Protein backbone atom coordinates (compact mmCIF):
# COMPACT_ATOMS: atom_id res chain seq x y z
CA MET A 1 104.32 17.83 5.37
CA ALA A 2 104.91 20.23 8.26
CA ASN A 3 108.27 20.05 10.01
CA ARG A 4 108.13 16.59 11.57
CA ARG A 5 110.51 17.28 14.42
CA THR A 6 108.54 20.31 15.60
CA PHE A 7 105.35 18.27 15.36
CA LEU A 8 106.86 15.43 17.37
CA ARG A 9 108.05 17.75 20.11
CA THR A 10 104.52 19.11 20.42
CA MET A 11 103.09 15.60 20.62
CA MET A 12 105.62 14.53 23.23
CA ALA A 13 104.52 17.30 25.60
CA GLY A 14 107.69 17.27 27.59
CA ALA A 15 108.85 13.70 27.00
CA VAL A 16 112.31 12.97 25.62
CA GLY A 17 112.71 14.47 22.13
CA ALA A 18 112.89 12.12 19.18
CA GLY A 19 115.68 13.91 17.40
CA ALA A 20 117.44 17.21 17.17
CA GLY A 21 120.42 17.61 14.93
CA SER A 22 119.18 15.85 11.82
CA PRO A 23 121.56 15.02 8.99
CA SER A 24 122.11 17.51 6.21
CA PRO A 25 119.83 17.34 3.17
CA GLY A 26 120.52 14.24 1.13
CA PHE A 27 119.26 11.83 -1.41
CA GLY A 28 117.38 8.62 -0.73
CA ALA A 29 118.27 5.19 -2.06
CA ALA A 30 116.23 5.77 -5.18
CA GLY A 31 117.89 9.13 -5.85
CA THR A 32 114.91 11.15 -4.60
CA ARG A 33 115.84 14.28 -2.69
CA VAL A 34 114.22 14.28 0.75
CA ALA A 35 114.12 17.30 3.04
CA PRO A 36 115.86 16.87 6.43
CA SER A 37 112.56 17.36 8.26
CA ASP A 38 111.07 14.39 6.42
CA ARG A 39 113.95 11.99 6.99
CA VAL A 40 113.87 9.26 9.63
CA CYS A 41 117.13 8.31 11.34
CA VAL A 42 117.11 4.63 12.28
CA GLY A 43 119.24 2.42 14.52
CA MET A 44 119.23 -1.34 13.92
CA ILE A 45 119.67 -3.84 16.77
CA GLY A 46 120.62 -7.27 15.46
CA ALA A 47 122.04 -8.18 12.06
CA GLY A 48 121.09 -11.84 11.72
CA LEU A 49 118.64 -13.34 9.24
CA ILE A 50 115.65 -11.07 9.86
CA GLY A 51 117.84 -8.15 10.93
CA THR A 52 119.63 -8.20 7.60
CA ARG A 53 116.30 -8.33 5.78
CA HIS A 54 115.17 -5.23 7.65
CA LEU A 55 118.49 -3.49 7.04
CA ILE A 56 118.04 -4.03 3.30
CA ASP A 57 114.45 -2.83 3.32
CA PHE A 58 115.00 0.24 5.50
CA THR A 59 118.11 1.41 3.63
CA ALA A 60 116.14 1.13 0.38
CA GLN A 61 113.64 3.78 1.55
CA PRO A 62 114.30 7.26 0.18
CA ASP A 63 113.52 8.96 3.50
CA VAL A 64 115.59 6.74 5.83
CA ASP A 65 119.14 7.06 7.13
CA VAL A 66 120.44 3.99 8.96
CA VAL A 67 122.94 5.68 11.24
CA ALA A 68 123.85 2.94 13.76
CA ILE A 69 123.94 -0.84 14.05
CA ALA A 70 124.21 -2.82 17.28
CA GLU A 71 125.53 -6.36 16.81
CA LEU A 72 127.69 -8.67 18.95
CA SER A 73 129.02 -10.98 16.23
CA PRO A 74 132.03 -9.34 14.51
CA ALA A 75 131.36 -11.10 11.21
CA ARG A 76 127.72 -10.05 11.16
CA MET A 77 128.63 -6.49 12.11
CA GLN A 78 131.12 -6.27 9.26
CA ALA A 79 128.57 -7.53 6.74
CA ALA A 80 125.86 -5.21 8.04
CA ARG A 81 128.01 -2.08 7.97
CA ALA A 82 129.06 -2.92 4.42
CA ARG A 83 125.41 -2.60 3.41
CA THR A 84 125.51 1.03 4.58
CA GLU A 85 128.86 1.59 2.84
CA GLY A 86 130.43 1.99 6.27
CA ARG A 87 128.33 5.02 7.21
CA ALA A 88 126.49 3.43 10.15
CA GLU A 89 128.12 3.61 13.56
CA ALA A 90 129.03 0.18 14.95
CA VAL A 91 128.13 -0.44 18.60
CA THR A 92 128.06 -3.53 20.79
CA ASP A 93 125.94 -1.95 23.54
CA PHE A 94 122.57 -0.91 22.14
CA ARG A 95 122.16 1.66 24.91
CA ARG A 96 124.56 3.93 23.01
CA MET A 97 121.88 4.21 20.32
CA LEU A 98 119.30 5.21 22.87
CA ASP A 99 121.54 8.07 24.02
CA ARG A 100 121.77 9.54 20.52
CA LYS A 101 119.35 12.43 20.08
CA ASP A 102 119.43 12.22 16.28
CA ILE A 103 117.94 8.70 16.16
CA ASP A 104 114.18 8.66 15.67
CA ALA A 105 113.47 4.93 15.56
CA ILE A 106 114.95 1.62 16.63
CA VAL A 107 114.50 -1.71 14.83
CA VAL A 108 114.73 -4.70 17.20
CA SER A 109 115.72 -7.94 15.44
CA THR A 110 117.18 -9.90 18.34
CA PRO A 111 116.42 -13.23 20.02
CA ASP A 112 112.96 -13.21 21.59
CA HIS A 113 114.07 -12.75 25.22
CA TRP A 114 115.36 -9.25 24.38
CA HIS A 115 112.32 -7.91 22.49
CA ALA A 116 110.37 -6.51 25.42
CA LEU A 117 113.14 -4.85 27.40
CA MET A 118 114.74 -3.22 24.36
CA THR A 119 111.35 -1.87 23.30
CA VAL A 120 110.59 -0.55 26.78
CA MET A 121 113.99 1.15 27.03
CA ALA A 122 113.72 2.62 23.52
CA CYS A 123 110.27 4.04 24.25
CA ALA A 124 111.56 5.65 27.44
CA ALA A 125 114.40 7.19 25.43
CA GLY A 126 111.90 8.81 23.06
CA LYS A 127 112.37 6.42 20.15
CA ASP A 128 109.69 4.81 18.01
CA VAL A 129 110.17 1.07 17.62
CA TYR A 130 109.81 -1.63 14.99
CA VAL A 131 110.09 -4.89 16.95
CA GLU A 132 110.11 -8.36 15.48
CA LYS A 133 107.70 -11.09 16.41
CA PRO A 134 107.18 -12.93 18.63
CA LEU A 135 106.48 -9.76 20.55
CA THR A 136 107.35 -11.22 23.94
CA HIS A 137 108.96 -14.12 25.76
CA VAL A 138 106.25 -14.21 28.46
CA VAL A 139 102.78 -12.67 28.63
CA ARG A 140 103.46 -9.93 31.18
CA GLU A 141 106.21 -8.40 29.06
CA GLY A 142 103.54 -7.26 26.62
CA ASP A 143 101.76 -5.38 29.40
CA TRP A 144 105.02 -3.61 30.28
CA MET A 145 105.59 -2.70 26.63
CA VAL A 146 102.11 -1.23 26.28
CA SER A 147 102.62 0.75 29.49
CA ALA A 148 105.93 2.23 28.32
CA ALA A 149 104.72 3.02 24.80
CA THR A 150 101.56 4.68 26.11
CA ARG A 151 103.34 6.72 28.77
CA HIS A 152 105.99 7.99 26.36
CA GLN A 153 103.61 8.36 23.38
CA ARG A 154 105.64 6.12 21.10
CA ILE A 155 104.77 4.39 17.83
CA VAL A 156 105.46 0.65 17.99
CA GLN A 157 105.12 -1.51 14.90
CA VAL A 158 105.32 -5.29 15.39
CA GLY A 159 106.88 -7.48 12.70
CA THR A 160 103.76 -9.37 11.66
CA GLN A 161 104.26 -8.25 8.08
CA GLN A 162 101.31 -10.15 6.63
CA ARG A 163 98.93 -7.46 7.90
CA SER A 164 100.46 -5.13 5.30
CA GLY A 165 99.76 -7.56 2.46
CA ARG A 166 96.96 -6.42 0.17
CA HIS A 167 95.58 -9.91 -0.24
CA TYR A 168 95.47 -10.40 3.53
CA GLN A 169 93.57 -7.12 3.84
CA ARG A 170 91.19 -8.18 1.09
CA ALA A 171 90.60 -11.56 2.73
CA LYS A 172 89.90 -9.83 6.04
CA ALA A 173 87.27 -7.62 4.37
CA LEU A 174 85.62 -10.62 2.69
CA LEU A 175 85.48 -12.54 5.97
CA ARG A 176 83.93 -9.59 7.80
CA GLU A 177 81.41 -9.13 5.02
CA GLY A 178 80.20 -12.69 5.63
CA HIS A 179 81.66 -14.24 2.49
CA LEU A 180 82.51 -17.42 4.42
CA GLY A 181 79.37 -17.39 6.55
CA ASP A 182 79.85 -18.09 10.25
CA ILE A 183 83.46 -18.94 11.06
CA ARG A 184 83.49 -22.23 12.96
CA HIS A 185 86.82 -23.96 12.36
CA VAL A 186 90.40 -22.73 11.90
CA HIS A 187 93.39 -24.97 11.28
CA VAL A 188 97.03 -23.90 11.42
CA ARG A 189 99.71 -26.44 10.54
CA SER A 190 103.48 -26.10 10.24
CA THR A 191 105.64 -29.16 9.60
CA ARG A 192 109.08 -30.25 8.49
CA ASN A 193 111.40 -33.19 9.09
CA ILE A 194 114.77 -32.35 10.67
CA VAL A 195 115.45 -35.80 12.18
CA PRO A 196 117.88 -36.52 13.85
CA GLY A 197 117.98 -32.85 14.82
CA PHE A 198 120.46 -29.99 14.90
CA THR A 199 123.93 -31.11 15.97
CA ARG A 200 126.18 -28.12 15.29
CA PRO A 201 125.94 -24.32 15.45
CA VAL A 202 124.96 -22.36 12.36
CA ASP A 203 128.21 -20.43 12.56
CA ASP A 204 130.88 -19.41 15.03
CA PRO A 205 129.50 -16.25 16.66
CA GLN A 206 132.99 -15.33 17.95
CA LEU A 207 131.59 -13.78 21.11
CA THR A 208 133.88 -12.53 23.85
CA PRO A 209 132.82 -13.21 27.46
CA GLU A 210 131.53 -9.64 27.64
CA ALA A 211 129.58 -10.08 24.41
CA TRP A 212 128.07 -13.36 25.61
CA ASP A 213 126.97 -11.67 28.82
CA MET A 214 125.27 -8.97 26.74
CA TRP A 215 123.71 -11.61 24.46
CA LEU A 216 122.16 -13.29 27.50
CA GLY A 217 120.94 -9.95 28.85
CA PRO A 218 118.01 -10.56 31.23
CA ALA A 219 118.15 -14.35 30.67
CA PRO A 220 119.78 -16.65 33.23
CA SER A 221 123.55 -16.81 33.22
CA VAL A 222 124.95 -19.96 31.58
CA PRO A 223 128.42 -20.77 30.24
CA PHE A 224 129.03 -19.77 26.64
CA ASP A 225 127.46 -22.27 24.25
CA PRO A 226 127.53 -21.48 20.51
CA ARG A 227 124.60 -23.87 20.01
CA ARG A 228 122.38 -21.47 21.93
CA ALA A 229 123.26 -18.43 19.86
CA LEU A 230 122.73 -17.80 16.15
CA TYR A 231 119.34 -19.09 14.91
CA HIS A 232 119.17 -22.04 17.36
CA PHE A 233 118.17 -19.91 20.35
CA ARG A 234 114.61 -20.74 19.31
CA TRP A 235 114.87 -24.27 20.75
CA TYR A 236 115.68 -23.16 24.32
CA TRP A 237 113.06 -22.08 26.85
CA ASP A 238 115.34 -19.37 28.27
CA TYR A 239 115.13 -17.40 25.03
CA SER A 240 112.04 -18.51 23.11
CA GLY A 241 108.82 -20.53 23.09
CA GLY A 242 109.73 -22.89 20.27
CA GLN A 243 107.71 -23.03 17.07
CA THR A 244 104.51 -22.12 18.91
CA THR A 245 105.74 -18.56 19.38
CA ASN A 246 108.02 -18.56 16.33
CA LEU A 247 105.61 -19.77 13.62
CA LEU A 248 102.10 -19.86 15.09
CA ALA A 249 102.51 -16.15 15.80
CA HIS A 250 102.15 -15.34 12.09
CA ASP A 251 98.90 -17.16 11.35
CA LEU A 252 97.26 -16.77 14.75
CA ASP A 253 97.88 -13.04 14.38
CA ILE A 254 95.95 -13.05 11.10
CA VAL A 255 93.04 -14.96 12.65
CA GLN A 256 92.77 -12.63 15.64
CA TRP A 257 93.24 -9.54 13.44
CA MET A 258 90.40 -10.71 11.18
CA THR A 259 88.02 -11.72 13.98
CA ASP A 260 88.96 -9.43 16.89
CA ALA A 261 88.63 -12.50 19.09
CA MET A 262 90.63 -13.89 22.03
CA PRO A 263 90.58 -17.51 23.14
CA ARG A 264 88.73 -18.46 26.31
CA ARG A 265 90.20 -21.95 26.83
CA VAL A 266 93.37 -23.63 25.58
CA SER A 267 94.61 -27.21 25.81
CA ALA A 268 97.93 -28.45 24.47
CA PHE A 269 100.23 -31.45 24.38
CA GLY A 270 103.90 -31.50 23.44
CA GLN A 271 106.61 -34.13 23.23
CA ARG A 272 110.28 -34.25 22.40
CA ARG A 273 111.20 -37.83 21.55
CA SER A 274 112.67 -38.19 18.06
CA LEU A 275 115.16 -35.33 17.89
CA GLN A 276 118.52 -36.34 19.30
CA GLY A 277 120.29 -33.05 18.66
CA PHE A 278 120.47 -30.10 21.01
CA GLY A 279 117.44 -28.15 22.19
CA GLU A 280 114.55 -28.36 24.66
CA THR A 281 111.33 -27.35 22.90
CA PRO A 282 108.85 -29.91 21.48
CA ASP A 283 109.36 -31.84 18.27
CA ALA A 284 105.61 -32.64 18.17
CA PHE A 285 102.95 -30.22 19.39
CA GLU A 286 99.15 -30.14 19.24
CA ALA A 287 96.93 -27.41 20.67
CA THR A 288 93.22 -26.61 20.62
CA TYR A 289 91.87 -23.12 21.22
CA GLU A 290 88.26 -22.34 22.07
CA PHE A 291 87.32 -18.89 20.80
CA PRO A 292 83.85 -17.41 21.12
CA GLY A 293 82.11 -18.95 18.11
CA PHE A 294 84.90 -21.09 16.65
CA LEU A 295 87.63 -23.61 17.40
CA LEU A 296 91.26 -23.35 16.28
CA THR A 297 93.80 -26.15 16.11
CA TRP A 298 97.58 -25.74 15.95
CA SER A 299 99.62 -28.68 14.75
CA ASN A 300 103.41 -28.56 14.57
CA SER A 301 105.90 -31.29 13.75
CA GLU A 302 109.67 -31.10 13.46
CA VAL A 303 109.86 -34.82 12.68
CA SER A 304 107.30 -35.45 9.91
CA ALA A 305 106.78 -33.16 6.93
CA GLY A 306 103.34 -34.37 5.84
CA ARG A 307 101.56 -33.01 2.79
CA TRP A 308 99.67 -29.93 3.97
CA ARG A 309 100.73 -26.88 5.94
CA GLY A 310 99.39 -23.36 6.28
CA LEU A 311 96.27 -21.56 7.46
CA GLU A 312 92.72 -22.69 6.68
CA ILE A 313 89.59 -20.88 7.88
CA GLY A 314 86.33 -22.78 7.57
CA GLY A 315 82.92 -21.12 7.56
CA THR A 316 79.36 -22.24 6.93
CA LYS A 317 79.59 -21.13 3.29
CA GLY A 318 83.11 -22.18 2.34
CA THR A 319 86.79 -22.37 3.20
CA LEU A 320 89.59 -19.83 2.93
CA THR A 321 93.20 -20.98 2.54
CA ILE A 322 95.74 -18.18 2.71
CA SER A 323 99.52 -17.82 2.62
CA ARG A 324 102.07 -15.16 1.76
CA ALA A 325 101.64 -16.05 -1.92
CA GLY A 326 97.87 -15.51 -2.06
CA PHE A 327 94.51 -16.92 -1.04
CA GLU A 328 91.69 -19.04 -2.36
CA ILE A 329 88.07 -19.31 -1.27
CA ILE A 330 86.49 -22.67 -2.06
CA PRO A 331 82.70 -22.58 -1.73
CA ASP A 332 80.71 -25.44 -0.22
CA ALA A 333 77.91 -26.86 -2.30
CA THR A 334 74.33 -26.42 -1.18
CA ILE A 335 73.25 -30.02 -0.66
CA PRO A 336 70.23 -30.80 1.54
CA ALA A 337 71.19 -32.50 4.79
CA GLU A 338 68.90 -35.43 4.00
CA ASP A 339 70.79 -36.07 0.77
CA GLN A 340 74.01 -36.49 2.72
CA ILE A 341 72.80 -39.48 4.74
CA PRO A 342 74.75 -42.61 3.69
CA ARG A 343 72.78 -45.28 1.85
CA VAL A 344 72.89 -49.01 2.41
CA GLU A 345 74.37 -49.49 -1.04
CA PHE A 346 77.18 -47.04 -0.16
CA ALA A 347 76.50 -45.50 -3.52
CA GLY A 348 76.00 -41.84 -4.00
CA ARG A 349 72.59 -40.42 -4.66
CA PRO A 350 71.84 -39.23 -8.15
CA ALA A 351 73.88 -36.13 -8.86
CA ALA A 352 71.93 -32.93 -8.82
CA ALA A 353 72.99 -29.45 -9.77
CA ALA A 354 74.43 -28.02 -6.55
CA THR A 355 74.45 -24.30 -5.99
CA PRO A 356 77.64 -22.96 -4.39
CA ARG A 357 77.01 -21.33 -1.03
CA THR A 358 79.38 -18.45 -1.84
CA GLU A 359 81.52 -17.13 -4.67
CA ALA A 360 84.81 -18.85 -5.48
CA ILE A 361 87.73 -16.40 -5.41
CA LYS A 362 91.43 -16.87 -6.10
CA ASP A 363 93.92 -14.07 -5.56
CA ASP A 364 97.57 -15.04 -5.92
CA GLY A 365 100.94 -14.01 -7.36
CA TYR A 366 102.20 -12.18 -4.28
CA GLU A 367 105.77 -12.09 -2.98
CA GLN A 368 106.73 -11.96 0.68
CA VAL A 369 109.32 -9.19 0.52
CA ARG A 370 107.80 -6.99 -2.17
CA ASP A 371 104.19 -7.26 -1.03
CA GLN A 372 104.47 -7.60 2.76
CA PHE A 373 107.89 -6.71 4.18
CA VAL A 374 108.43 -3.49 2.23
CA PRO A 375 104.87 -2.17 2.71
CA HIS A 376 105.21 -2.92 6.43
CA VAL A 377 108.31 -0.73 6.60
CA ARG A 378 106.49 2.05 4.74
CA ASP A 379 103.51 1.77 7.09
CA PHE A 380 105.84 2.19 10.07
CA LEU A 381 107.53 5.24 8.55
CA GLU A 382 104.21 6.90 7.73
CA ALA A 383 102.97 6.17 11.25
CA ILE A 384 106.08 7.88 12.66
CA LYS A 385 105.40 10.98 10.60
CA SER A 386 101.64 11.18 11.10
CA ARG A 387 101.52 9.69 14.64
CA ARG A 388 98.66 7.42 13.60
CA PRO A 389 98.62 3.80 14.85
CA PRO A 390 100.55 1.36 12.63
CA VAL A 391 98.83 -1.62 11.05
CA SER A 392 100.49 -4.03 13.53
CA ASP A 393 99.86 -1.99 16.65
CA LEU A 394 101.23 -3.01 20.02
CA ALA A 395 97.96 -3.70 21.81
CA SER A 396 96.61 -6.13 19.22
CA ALA A 397 100.01 -7.78 18.82
CA GLN A 398 100.07 -8.33 22.58
CA ARG A 399 96.83 -10.30 22.27
CA THR A 400 98.41 -12.50 19.60
CA ALA A 401 101.49 -13.11 21.74
CA THR A 402 99.32 -13.91 24.75
CA ALA A 403 97.37 -16.53 22.82
CA CYS A 404 100.60 -18.18 21.63
CA HIS A 405 102.03 -18.27 25.14
CA LEU A 406 98.83 -19.80 26.53
CA ALA A 407 99.39 -22.95 24.45
CA ASN A 408 102.86 -23.36 25.94
CA VAL A 409 101.46 -22.67 29.42
CA ALA A 410 98.73 -25.31 28.96
CA MET A 411 101.31 -27.84 27.78
CA ARG A 412 103.61 -27.18 30.71
CA VAL A 413 100.96 -27.41 33.43
CA GLY A 414 99.30 -30.38 31.73
CA ARG A 415 95.70 -29.16 31.83
CA VAL A 416 93.19 -26.87 30.15
CA VAL A 417 93.93 -23.20 30.78
CA ARG A 418 91.08 -20.71 30.97
CA TRP A 419 91.74 -17.08 30.04
CA ASP A 420 89.77 -14.14 31.43
CA VAL A 421 90.04 -11.35 28.86
CA ALA A 422 88.75 -8.63 31.20
CA ALA A 423 91.06 -9.63 34.05
CA ASN A 424 93.97 -10.28 31.67
CA ASP A 425 94.81 -13.41 33.63
CA VAL A 426 94.43 -17.16 33.85
CA VAL A 427 91.34 -18.23 35.79
CA GLY A 428 91.81 -20.22 38.99
CA ASP A 429 95.23 -21.72 38.27
CA PRO A 430 98.09 -20.14 40.26
CA ALA A 431 100.69 -22.45 38.67
CA ALA A 432 99.64 -21.35 35.19
CA SER A 433 99.50 -17.69 36.24
CA ALA A 434 103.05 -17.95 37.54
CA LEU A 435 104.23 -18.82 34.02
CA LEU A 436 102.95 -15.49 32.69
CA THR A 437 106.05 -13.72 34.03
CA LYS A 438 109.71 -14.56 34.60
CA ALA A 439 112.84 -13.41 36.38
CA TYR A 440 115.21 -10.80 34.91
CA ARG A 441 118.92 -11.07 35.63
CA ALA A 442 120.64 -8.05 37.16
CA PRO A 443 121.21 -5.31 36.15
CA TRP A 444 118.42 -5.64 33.59
CA ASP A 445 115.76 -6.05 36.26
CA ARG A 446 116.63 -2.58 37.51
CA GLU A 447 116.49 -1.16 33.97
CA LEU A 448 112.95 -2.49 33.60
CA LEU A 449 111.70 -1.39 37.02
CA ALA A 450 113.09 2.12 36.53
CA ILE A 451 110.76 2.53 33.56
CA VAL A 452 107.82 0.30 34.58
CA PRO A 453 107.82 0.40 38.40
CA GLY A 454 104.72 -1.80 38.63
CA ALA A 455 106.27 -4.71 36.71
CA THR A 456 106.05 -7.96 38.66
CA LEU A 457 109.06 -10.16 38.02
CA ALA A 458 109.38 -13.74 39.19
CA PRO A 459 112.13 -14.68 41.64
CA ALA A 460 115.19 -16.21 40.03
CA ALA A 461 114.91 -19.99 39.88
CA PRO A 462 117.84 -22.36 40.51
CA ARG A 463 119.36 -23.77 37.35
CA SER A 464 119.08 -27.50 36.67
CA SER A 465 121.81 -29.43 34.89
CA ALA A 466 119.31 -30.60 32.26
CA SER A 467 118.26 -27.07 31.30
CA VAL A 468 121.83 -25.82 31.21
CA GLY A 469 123.17 -28.74 29.25
CA GLY A 470 120.76 -28.27 26.37
CA GLU A 471 119.65 -31.91 26.12
CA GLY A 472 116.54 -31.47 28.26
CA ARG A 473 113.32 -33.36 27.68
CA LEU A 474 109.84 -32.03 28.32
């Protein structure tokens, strides 16, 4: 490969350089010698559950040097640096990473409300970005991310790792070849039973007042509350969209990636009645999406585990069920419509040899880390070097995030929301459109507007005691 840094400088055409002053020649994790021009220097932001997973996977690559880690929890920072044998610089302000000219790429593994701004700022600093899903906290943040990445010619890989799975790619090809016939129904279901709810923090984050202020970032200022921090941030509207953006994002991304479709109408209902612990987001949620040609339902329960969960795609020839472990296509039998009319005797008609409408296929034995996470890291690294789009590119990931957010918007306004793809906006519903953006707390609003001057932020809203206290109901 030609000298990557020279190539990048040519591609940047005057933008901020991605890295001068590379480390001296070294060996990768597997003992393979990698030339300095082929190495990628990476900074990690966040060392929680998914951040640690990424730290493990990136440090295992023979052409990666993890040179800095940004983390606010002292215990998590200590554990993360130990995985680099103390070589990575420890920082509490991620902006120090952005100032380093030797860092090529940033990995963002933070709570959702930070994803967009950190990506925008990293792109402006000349860094490529691997950002976890959900891509955004509100719809408009995705537009700002696309603007920054395009302007600064940055590679952005989104953490929807299933796209890198070989069996997902094979299933996509089969669907597009018509193996399922016309796609008409899609069902996504995620359930568990956590009654009576979460009642204590995962761990003591040990955050100083300054660290808590940084953790909040652009989110509204609230007194320190350890229940809002590690892991449980997902159940508060200030930082996340609940399970609809946390879990639906994975499977809805696969559906939209396979079909290249966006929903036109969305309806949704949510309740929070059975969980007595802390949090605000629904414990029961049902949404229906109308796509051109098919319907999709999203069912989520935090209070009833049920017997089935996952992704099911139904076509006129058969049904595809797919997960991180594999997929199966179950063909429908070719039975004349007239033979499916019930009889007075409620007895079945004489059995006849039924021809399957498509071929039955089962492809399993896959592992999430080995077959999806690690290939996703490799795809990102190869995209950095070649400047080709990654498999989970920013523009398509923004469409996934938008669709997830629309379900929450429909629930909150209490009516069907219509989406105009060309206008990139809700149709005829100012209250719903207002929920596509949000306020940013100072000074982070100025950081955003300095990079994306056209960004439209919402005015800061007064805080209610219910939303601050963490016991809010929908």
